[in-house]
Amino acid sequence: MSEDSPATESLDCVGLYCPEPLFQARAAMDELEVGDVLEVLADDPAAEEDLTRFAKRTGHEVVSIEDLGTHKRFLIRKGR
């Protein structure tokens, strides 16, 4: 995790496929405090839709989605 990252926790899901990134993100979010940010790195094509839907359904906020070429970096702020 880079020093300028606002993430509280980082999850490397590169190489994992649906539904594993979603399961791991859900478990990690349960451990965070409201306002904390989870960074998820994933190369699963379904991850963007899965994580965005998960965040919306559970009251969290997708702060950013960054395409890094080989994978994407998601920042999700815990909402409740």
C-alpha atoms as a PDB file:
ATOM      1  CA  MET A   1       0.000   0.000   0.000  1.00  0.00           C
ATOM      2  CA  SER A   2       1.428   3.367  -0.931  1.00  0.00           C
ATOM      3  CA  GLU A   3       1.999   6.091   1.645  1.00  0.00           C
ATOM      4  CA  ASP A   4      -0.434   8.478  -0.058  1.00  0.00           C
ATOM      5  CA  SER A   5      -3.220   5.908   0.053  1.00  0.00           C
ATOM      6  CA  PRO A   6      -6.152   6.845   2.285  1.00  0.00           C
ATOM      7  CA  ALA A   7      -6.836   3.129   2.855  1.00  0.00           C
ATOM      8  CA  THR A   8      -7.057   1.775   6.383  1.00  0.00           C
ATOM      9  CA  GLU A   9      -6.805  -1.829   5.194  1.00  0.00           C
ATOM     10  CA  SER A  10      -5.623  -3.420   1.956  1.00  0.00           C
ATOM     11  CA  LEU A  11      -6.875  -6.607   0.331  1.00  0.00           C
ATOM     12  CA  ASP A  12      -4.994  -8.239  -2.557  1.00  0.00           C
ATOM     13  CA  CYS A  13      -7.469 -10.315  -4.563  1.00  0.00           C
ATOM     14  CA  VAL A  14      -5.441 -10.414  -7.793  1.00  0.00           C
ATOM     15  CA  GLY A  15      -5.747 -13.910  -9.243  1.00  0.00           C
ATOM     16  CA  LEU A  16      -8.976 -14.663  -7.375  1.00  0.00           C
ATOM     17  CA  TYR A  17     -12.269 -14.972  -9.193  1.00  0.00           C
ATOM     18  CA  CYS A  18     -15.923 -14.452  -8.403  1.00  0.00           C
ATOM     19  CA  PRO A  19     -17.176 -14.716  -5.764  1.00  0.00           C
ATOM     20  CA  GLU A  20     -13.916 -14.710  -3.746  1.00  0.00           C
ATOM     21  CA  PRO A  21     -13.030 -10.956  -3.998  1.00  0.00           C
ATOM     22  CA  LEU A  22     -16.566 -10.103  -2.868  1.00  0.00           C
ATOM     23  CA  PHE A  23     -16.462 -12.571   0.055  1.00  0.00           C
ATOM     24  CA  GLN A  24     -13.078 -11.265   1.208  1.00  0.00           C
ATOM     25  CA  ALA A  25     -14.159  -7.618   0.863  1.00  0.00           C
ATOM     26  CA  ARG A  26     -17.321  -8.288   2.862  1.00  0.00           C
ATOM     27  CA  ALA A  27     -15.333  -9.969   5.663  1.00  0.00           C
ATOM     28  CA  ALA A  28     -12.751  -7.158   5.703  1.00  0.00           C
ATOM     29  CA  MET A  29     -15.453  -4.456   5.857  1.00  0.00           C
ATOM     30  CA  ASP A  30     -16.943  -6.169   8.928  1.00  0.00           C
ATOM     31  CA  GLU A  31     -13.634  -5.583  10.749  1.00  0.00           C
ATOM     32  CA  LEU A  32     -13.417  -1.857   9.924  1.00  0.00           C
ATOM     33  CA  GLU A  33     -14.842   1.144  11.757  1.00  0.00           C
ATOM     34  CA  VAL A  34     -17.313   3.538  10.089  1.00  0.00           C
ATOM     35  CA  GLY A  35     -15.330   5.969   7.920  1.00  0.00           C
ATOM     36  CA  ASP A  36     -12.412   3.574   7.390  1.00  0.00           C
ATOM     37  CA  VAL A  37     -11.395   2.840   3.796  1.00  0.00           C
ATOM     38  CA  LEU A  38     -10.741  -0.601   2.336  1.00  0.00           C
ATOM     39  CA  GLU A  39      -8.440  -0.913  -0.666  1.00  0.00           C
ATOM     40  CA  VAL A  40      -9.196  -3.922  -2.866  1.00  0.00           C
ATOM     41  CA  LEU A  41      -6.898  -4.963  -5.709  1.00  0.00           C
ATOM     42  CA  ALA A  42      -8.612  -7.315  -8.162  1.00  0.00           C
ATOM     43  CA  ASP A  43      -8.253  -8.532 -11.736  1.00  0.00           C
ATOM     44  CA  ASP A  44     -11.566 -10.413 -11.885  1.00  0.00           C
ATOM     45  CA  PRO A  45     -13.714  -8.839 -14.641  1.00  0.00           C
ATOM     46  CA  ALA A  46     -16.796  -9.210 -12.417  1.00  0.00           C
ATOM     47  CA  ALA A  47     -15.172  -7.441  -9.433  1.00  0.00           C
ATOM     48  CA  GLU A  48     -16.215  -3.924 -10.428  1.00  0.00           C
ATOM     49  CA  GLU A  49     -19.897  -4.781 -10.733  1.00  0.00           C
ATOM     50  CA  ASP A  50     -19.826  -7.053  -7.656  1.00  0.00           C
ATOM     51  CA  LEU A  51     -18.056  -4.575  -5.371  1.00  0.00           C
ATOM     52  CA  THR A  52     -20.095  -1.594  -6.573  1.00  0.00           C
ATOM     53  CA  ARG A  53     -23.365  -3.460  -6.014  1.00  0.00           C
ATOM     54  CA  PHE A  54     -22.154  -4.720  -2.607  1.00  0.00           C
ATOM     55  CA  ALA A  55     -21.217  -1.195  -1.478  1.00  0.00           C
ATOM     56  CA  LYS A  56     -24.531   0.286  -2.586  1.00  0.00           C
ATOM     57  CA  ARG A  57     -26.576  -2.493  -0.968  1.00  0.00           C
ATOM     58  CA  THR A  58     -24.709  -2.311   2.361  1.00  0.00           C
ATOM     59  CA  GLY A  59     -24.454   1.469   2.735  1.00  0.00           C
ATOM     60  CA  HIS A  60     -20.760   1.821   1.890  1.00  0.00           C
ATOM     61  CA  GLU A  61     -19.256   4.294  -0.596  1.00  0.00           C
ATOM     62  CA  VAL A  62     -17.028   3.443  -3.552  1.00  0.00           C
ATOM     63  CA  VAL A  63     -14.543   6.308  -3.280  1.00  0.00           C
ATOM     64  CA  SER A  64     -12.631   5.428  -6.438  1.00  0.00           C
ATOM     65  CA  ILE A  65     -11.989   2.764  -9.045  1.00  0.00           C
ATOM     66  CA  GLU A  66      -8.583   2.987 -10.671  1.00  0.00           C
ATOM     67  CA  ASP A  67      -7.628   0.912 -13.722  1.00  0.00           C
ATOM     68  CA  LEU A  68      -3.985  -0.076 -13.294  1.00  0.00           C
ATOM     69  CA  GLY A  69      -3.804  -2.079 -16.520  1.00  0.00           C
ATOM     70  CA  THR A  70      -3.365  -5.607 -15.158  1.00  0.00           C
ATOM     71  CA  HIS A  71      -5.867  -5.079 -12.343  1.00  0.00           C
ATOM     72  CA  LYS A  72      -8.134  -2.503 -10.734  1.00  0.00           C
ATOM     73  CA  ARG A  73      -7.805  -0.716  -7.410  1.00  0.00           C
ATOM     74  CA  PHE A  74     -11.025  -0.067  -5.517  1.00  0.00           C
ATOM     75  CA  LEU A  75     -11.322   2.214  -2.498  1.00  0.00           C
ATOM     76  CA  ILE A  76     -14.476   1.602  -0.459  1.00  0.00           C
ATOM     77  CA  ARG A  77     -15.384   3.690   2.608  1.00  0.00           C
ATOM     78  CA  LYS A  78     -17.364   1.955   5.331  1.00  0.00           C
ATOM     79  CA  GLY A  79     -20.688   3.728   5.721  1.00  0.00           C
ATOM     80  CA  ARG A  80     -22.263   1.980   8.683  1.00  0.00           C
END
